[in-house]
């Protein structure tokens, strides 16, 4: 097993974070990022976090109760509703984008947190992150009772220059996650909270967000992590970490390139 060291730049300046998706997981992640921002400043970080929330959707009645919205929010756009509330409560100047991220975009941030529910959106996140030379992609995904959270490096340059092993991202370990042709055809939104809970259990989103924000918290607090992901199943009560370990990655079909191995041997 190994250790992943944080990119030094993230400890030297304000860290730009893009959260893609303001739904069940994204709205919970935003709440966690506020707490992380305050903790970073308390520990002497020079700028904390600067967050931009992306979502083109409006709040529906089905969102109230499972996402971070109130009855009075119904009909309003999700991203600015959440950001305005955070800014007012904590005197911040975080921003929102009322639009859907596409493959033509170029993300200008150090960390992108994906809180989306389909492969097409994940593909857009990865493409936009690569184009913008984003450092980390933190992917959050869940089904009815289980979820996965994976932190990976998008830009391989640092690993090449420093002779380090790049932290694989979600699409490295699970290539089908960005295969849009595998997306389900039924994209009809839930018309009630009860209907929504048939598709996702009540606390799976908040649990996923907690694990995602905890990985970032550990990375910033200690400057390193020994695991870069989690697999959670609320029905069985089991949680398994994804270790920073080449042997663990091989079990997912991902292997370090031969050229990288030769350099390490030297």
Protein backbone atom coordinates (compact mmCIF):
# COMPACT_ATOMS: atom_id res chain seq x y z
CA UNK A 1 0.00 0.00 0.00
CA UNK A 2 1.10 3.57 -0.61
CA UNK A 3 0.49 7.17 0.34
CA UNK A 4 -0.71 9.98 -1.89
CA UNK A 5 0.70 13.42 -1.13
CA UNK A 6 -1.39 16.51 -1.76
CA UNK A 7 -0.35 18.86 -4.55
CA UNK A 8 1.58 21.64 -2.74
CA UNK A 9 -0.27 24.35 -4.66
CA UNK A 10 -3.47 23.46 -2.83
CA UNK A 11 -1.87 24.47 0.45
CA UNK A 12 -0.50 27.77 -0.84
CA UNK A 13 -3.55 29.57 -2.24
CA UNK A 14 -7.33 29.68 -2.31
CA UNK A 15 -8.57 26.42 -3.82
CA UNK A 16 -11.16 26.64 -6.60
CA UNK A 17 -13.75 23.87 -6.43
CA UNK A 18 -16.45 23.15 -9.01
CA UNK A 19 -19.39 21.06 -7.81
CA UNK A 20 -21.35 19.60 -10.72
CA UNK A 21 -24.91 18.82 -9.72
CA UNK A 22 -27.03 20.38 -6.96
CA UNK A 23 -29.34 17.45 -6.32
CA UNK A 24 -29.40 14.84 -3.59
CA UNK A 25 -25.64 14.44 -3.23
CA UNK A 26 -24.49 17.81 -4.57
CA UNK A 27 -26.62 19.82 -2.16
CA UNK A 28 -25.23 17.78 0.74
CA UNK A 29 -21.66 18.09 -0.55
CA UNK A 30 -22.05 21.88 -0.60
CA UNK A 31 -22.93 21.85 3.10
CA UNK A 32 -19.84 19.78 3.81
CA UNK A 33 -17.59 22.07 1.79
CA UNK A 34 -18.67 25.05 3.88
CA UNK A 35 -17.56 23.22 7.02
CA UNK A 36 -14.30 22.24 5.34
CA UNK A 37 -13.71 25.85 4.25
CA UNK A 38 -14.12 27.11 7.82
CA UNK A 39 -11.87 24.35 9.16
CA UNK A 40 -9.13 25.16 6.63
CA UNK A 41 -9.14 28.83 7.65
CA UNK A 42 -9.05 27.86 11.33
CA UNK A 43 -5.96 25.73 10.69
CA UNK A 44 -4.20 28.57 8.87
CA UNK A 45 -4.88 27.82 5.21
CA UNK A 46 -4.23 31.02 3.20
CA UNK A 47 -7.61 31.18 1.47
CA UNK A 48 -9.81 28.16 2.05
CA UNK A 49 -12.21 27.17 -0.72
CA UNK A 50 -13.85 29.12 -3.53
CA UNK A 51 -16.79 27.05 -4.75
CA UNK A 52 -18.85 27.24 -7.93
CA UNK A 53 -22.02 25.12 -8.11
CA UNK A 54 -23.27 23.99 -11.55
CA UNK A 55 -26.86 22.91 -12.20
CA UNK A 56 -29.54 23.92 -14.69
CA UNK A 57 -32.43 22.26 -12.85
CA UNK A 58 -35.27 23.78 -10.82
CA UNK A 59 -36.47 22.63 -7.40
CA UNK A 60 -39.48 20.32 -7.52
CA UNK A 61 -41.76 19.16 -4.72
CA UNK A 62 -40.09 15.74 -4.85
CA UNK A 63 -36.75 17.36 -3.95
CA UNK A 64 -38.03 18.69 -0.62
CA UNK A 65 -37.20 16.22 2.13
CA UNK A 66 -34.37 14.38 0.38
CA UNK A 67 -32.31 17.32 -0.87
CA UNK A 68 -31.29 20.53 0.91
CA UNK A 69 -34.35 22.50 -0.13
CA UNK A 70 -37.40 23.95 1.62
CA UNK A 71 -41.01 24.09 0.39
CA UNK A 72 -40.58 27.76 -0.47
CA UNK A 73 -37.76 26.87 -2.88
CA UNK A 74 -40.02 24.95 -5.27
CA UNK A 75 -39.79 26.44 -8.75
CA UNK A 76 -36.49 28.24 -8.12
CA UNK A 77 -33.21 27.22 -9.74
CA UNK A 78 -31.24 24.88 -7.51
CA UNK A 79 -27.71 26.25 -7.87
CA UNK A 80 -28.30 29.93 -7.03
CA UNK A 81 -30.80 29.01 -4.30
CA UNK A 82 -28.19 26.99 -2.42
CA UNK A 83 -25.29 29.34 -3.11
CA UNK A 84 -27.20 32.46 -2.08
CA UNK A 85 -28.21 30.79 1.19
CA UNK A 86 -24.61 29.76 1.90
CA UNK A 87 -23.22 33.18 1.02
CA UNK A 88 -25.74 34.97 3.22
CA UNK A 89 -25.20 32.65 6.16
CA UNK A 90 -21.40 32.59 6.09
CA UNK A 91 -20.55 35.91 4.41
CA UNK A 92 -18.98 34.21 1.38
CA UNK A 93 -18.86 35.06 -2.29
CA UNK A 94 -19.24 31.59 -3.80
CA UNK A 95 -20.87 31.45 -7.22
CA UNK A 96 -23.36 29.42 -9.27
CA UNK A 97 -23.79 28.49 -12.91
CA UNK A 98 -27.37 27.86 -14.05
CA UNK A 99 -26.36 25.61 -16.89
CA UNK A 100 -25.51 22.02 -17.66
CA UNK A 101 -21.84 21.20 -18.06
CA UNK A 102 -21.02 19.94 -21.56
CA UNK A 103 -17.95 18.41 -23.17
CA UNK A 104 -17.26 21.77 -24.82
CA UNK A 105 -16.64 23.50 -21.48
CA UNK A 106 -13.28 24.11 -19.85
CA UNK A 107 -13.28 23.95 -16.08
CA UNK A 108 -11.01 26.47 -14.36
CA UNK A 109 -10.49 24.98 -10.92
CA UNK A 110 -8.20 22.72 -8.92
CA UNK A 111 -10.88 20.24 -7.81
CA UNK A 112 -14.09 19.16 -9.51
CA UNK A 113 -16.66 17.21 -7.50
CA UNK A 114 -19.05 15.23 -9.68
CA UNK A 115 -22.51 14.67 -8.19
CA UNK A 116 -24.33 13.48 -11.30
CA UNK A 117 -26.53 10.49 -12.04
CA UNK A 118 -25.63 9.49 -15.59
CA UNK A 119 -22.64 8.53 -17.72
CA UNK A 120 -23.05 11.35 -20.22
CA UNK A 121 -22.63 13.90 -17.44
CA UNK A 122 -19.56 12.09 -16.09
CA UNK A 123 -18.02 12.09 -19.54
CA UNK A 124 -18.59 15.85 -19.76
CA UNK A 125 -16.95 16.34 -16.37
CA UNK A 126 -13.84 14.39 -17.35
CA UNK A 127 -13.54 16.09 -20.74
CA UNK A 128 -13.98 19.57 -19.25
CA UNK A 129 -11.56 18.79 -16.44
CA UNK A 130 -8.90 17.54 -18.84
CA UNK A 131 -9.30 20.59 -21.04
CA UNK A 132 -8.96 22.89 -18.04
CA UNK A 133 -6.07 20.94 -16.49
CA UNK A 134 -7.98 20.26 -13.28
CA UNK A 135 -5.87 18.52 -10.63
CA UNK A 136 -8.43 16.29 -8.88
CA UNK A 137 -11.76 14.76 -9.87
CA UNK A 138 -13.82 13.56 -6.90
CA UNK A 139 -16.62 11.40 -8.28
CA UNK A 140 -19.72 10.60 -6.23
CA UNK A 141 -22.21 8.05 -7.45
CA UNK A 142 -24.98 6.03 -5.88
CA UNK A 143 -27.82 3.66 -6.56
CA UNK A 144 -30.69 2.68 -4.25
CA UNK A 145 -28.69 1.61 -1.19
CA UNK A 146 -25.03 1.71 -2.21
CA UNK A 147 -22.53 4.26 -3.44
CA UNK A 148 -18.94 4.85 -4.43
CA UNK A 149 -16.69 7.85 -3.89
CA UNK A 150 -13.38 8.05 -5.78
CA UNK A 151 -10.75 10.79 -5.77
CA UNK A 152 -8.36 10.73 -8.72
CA UNK A 153 -5.87 12.91 -10.56
CA UNK A 154 -6.89 14.23 -13.96
CA UNK A 155 -3.64 15.81 -15.16
CA UNK A 156 -0.79 13.26 -15.37
CA UNK A 157 2.00 15.86 -15.71
CA UNK A 158 2.85 16.13 -12.02
CA UNK A 159 3.19 12.37 -11.69
CA UNK A 160 5.43 12.18 -14.75
CA UNK A 161 7.64 15.07 -13.69
CA UNK A 162 8.02 13.83 -10.12
CA UNK A 163 8.25 10.14 -10.99
CA UNK A 164 5.10 9.47 -8.95
CA UNK A 165 2.25 7.08 -9.57
CA UNK A 166 -0.84 8.97 -10.70
CA UNK A 167 -3.91 8.49 -8.55
CA UNK A 168 -6.43 6.81 -10.89
CA UNK A 169 -9.81 8.49 -11.22
CA UNK A 170 -13.25 6.90 -11.43
CA UNK A 171 -13.17 6.37 -15.20
CA UNK A 172 -9.74 4.72 -14.98
CA UNK A 173 -11.12 2.11 -12.60
CA UNK A 174 -14.63 1.90 -14.07
CA UNK A 175 -14.49 2.84 -17.79
CA UNK A 176 -18.21 2.18 -18.21
CA UNK A 177 -18.96 5.17 -15.99
CA UNK A 178 -18.33 7.48 -18.94
CA UNK A 179 -19.93 5.30 -21.62
CA UNK A 180 -23.04 7.35 -22.43
CA UNK A 181 -24.52 4.55 -24.55
CA UNK A 182 -25.15 2.58 -21.35
CA UNK A 183 -27.35 5.26 -19.79
CA UNK A 184 -30.89 4.15 -19.05
CA UNK A 185 -33.53 5.50 -21.38
CA UNK A 186 -35.96 6.26 -18.56
CA UNK A 187 -34.96 9.74 -17.47
CA UNK A 188 -38.42 10.79 -16.25
CA UNK A 189 -38.07 12.74 -12.97
CA UNK A 190 -39.83 11.54 -9.82
CA UNK A 191 -43.19 13.22 -9.26
CA UNK A 192 -43.21 12.78 -5.48
CA UNK A 193 -40.88 12.21 -2.56
CA UNK A 194 -42.22 8.67 -2.16
CA UNK A 195 -41.46 7.94 -5.81
CA UNK A 196 -37.94 9.38 -5.42
CA UNK A 197 -37.30 7.17 -2.39
CA UNK A 198 -38.08 4.10 -4.48
CA UNK A 199 -35.00 4.99 -6.55
CA UNK A 200 -32.67 6.18 -3.78
CA UNK A 201 -32.88 5.43 -0.06
CA UNK A 202 -33.36 8.38 2.26
CA UNK A 203 -29.80 8.70 3.59
CA UNK A 204 -27.65 7.38 0.73
CA UNK A 205 -26.96 10.88 -0.62
CA UNK A 206 -25.92 12.36 2.72
CA UNK A 207 -23.74 9.31 3.43
CA UNK A 208 -22.06 9.62 0.04
CA UNK A 209 -21.45 13.33 0.58
CA UNK A 210 -19.98 12.66 4.03
CA UNK A 211 -17.44 10.20 2.64
CA UNK A 212 -16.54 12.54 -0.21
CA UNK A 213 -15.96 15.54 2.04
CA UNK A 214 -14.05 13.43 4.55
CA UNK A 215 -11.53 12.38 1.89
CA UNK A 216 -10.89 16.04 1.09
CA UNK A 217 -10.70 16.86 4.78
CA UNK A 218 -8.07 14.18 5.40
CA UNK A 219 -6.08 15.27 2.35
CA UNK A 220 -5.96 18.92 3.45
CA UNK A 221 -5.57 18.28 7.19
CA UNK A 222 -2.70 15.81 6.95
CA UNK A 223 -1.33 16.58 3.48
CA UNK A 224 -1.66 12.95 2.50
CA UNK A 225 -4.11 10.04 2.29
CA UNK A 226 -3.74 6.27 2.37
CA UNK A 227 -7.13 5.68 0.76
CA UNK A 228 -8.74 7.69 -2.02
CA UNK A 229 -12.23 6.28 -2.10
CA UNK A 230 -15.02 4.42 -0.35
CA UNK A 231 -17.65 1.86 -1.26
CA UNK A 232 -20.71 2.05 0.97
CA UNK A 233 -23.75 -0.19 1.26
CA UNK A 234 -26.41 1.06 3.68
CA UNK A 235 -28.52 -2.08 3.35
CA UNK A 236 -25.75 -4.39 4.57
CA UNK A 237 -24.04 -1.77 6.73
CA UNK A 238 -20.69 -2.41 5.06
CA UNK A 239 -18.09 0.17 4.08
CA UNK A 240 -14.87 -0.63 2.22
CA UNK A 241 -12.01 1.81 1.55
CA UNK A 242 -10.24 2.13 -1.80
CA UNK A 243 -6.59 2.10 -0.82
CA UNK A 244 -3.74 3.89 -2.59
CA UNK A 245 -2.41 0.57 -3.76
CA UNK A 246 -1.38 -0.62 -7.22
CA UNK A 247 -2.42 -4.19 -6.38
CA UNK A 248 -5.90 -2.98 -5.38
CA UNK A 249 -6.19 -1.02 -8.64
CA UNK A 250 -5.27 -4.11 -10.65
CA UNK A 251 -8.38 -5.85 -9.30
CA UNK A 252 -10.40 -3.27 -11.21
CA UNK A 253 -8.40 -3.90 -14.38
CA UNK A 254 -6.24 -0.80 -14.00
CA UNK A 255 -2.46 -1.17 -14.03
CA UNK A 256 0.48 1.21 -13.86
CA UNK A 257 2.16 1.47 -17.28
CA UNK A 258 5.32 -0.51 -17.96
CA UNK A 259 7.29 2.70 -18.51
CA UNK A 260 6.28 3.89 -15.04
CA UNK A 261 7.37 0.60 -13.52
CA UNK A 262 10.78 0.75 -15.17
CA UNK A 263 11.36 4.26 -13.84
CA UNK A 264 10.45 3.13 -10.32
CA UNK A 265 12.86 0.20 -10.55
CA UNK A 266 15.71 2.53 -11.48
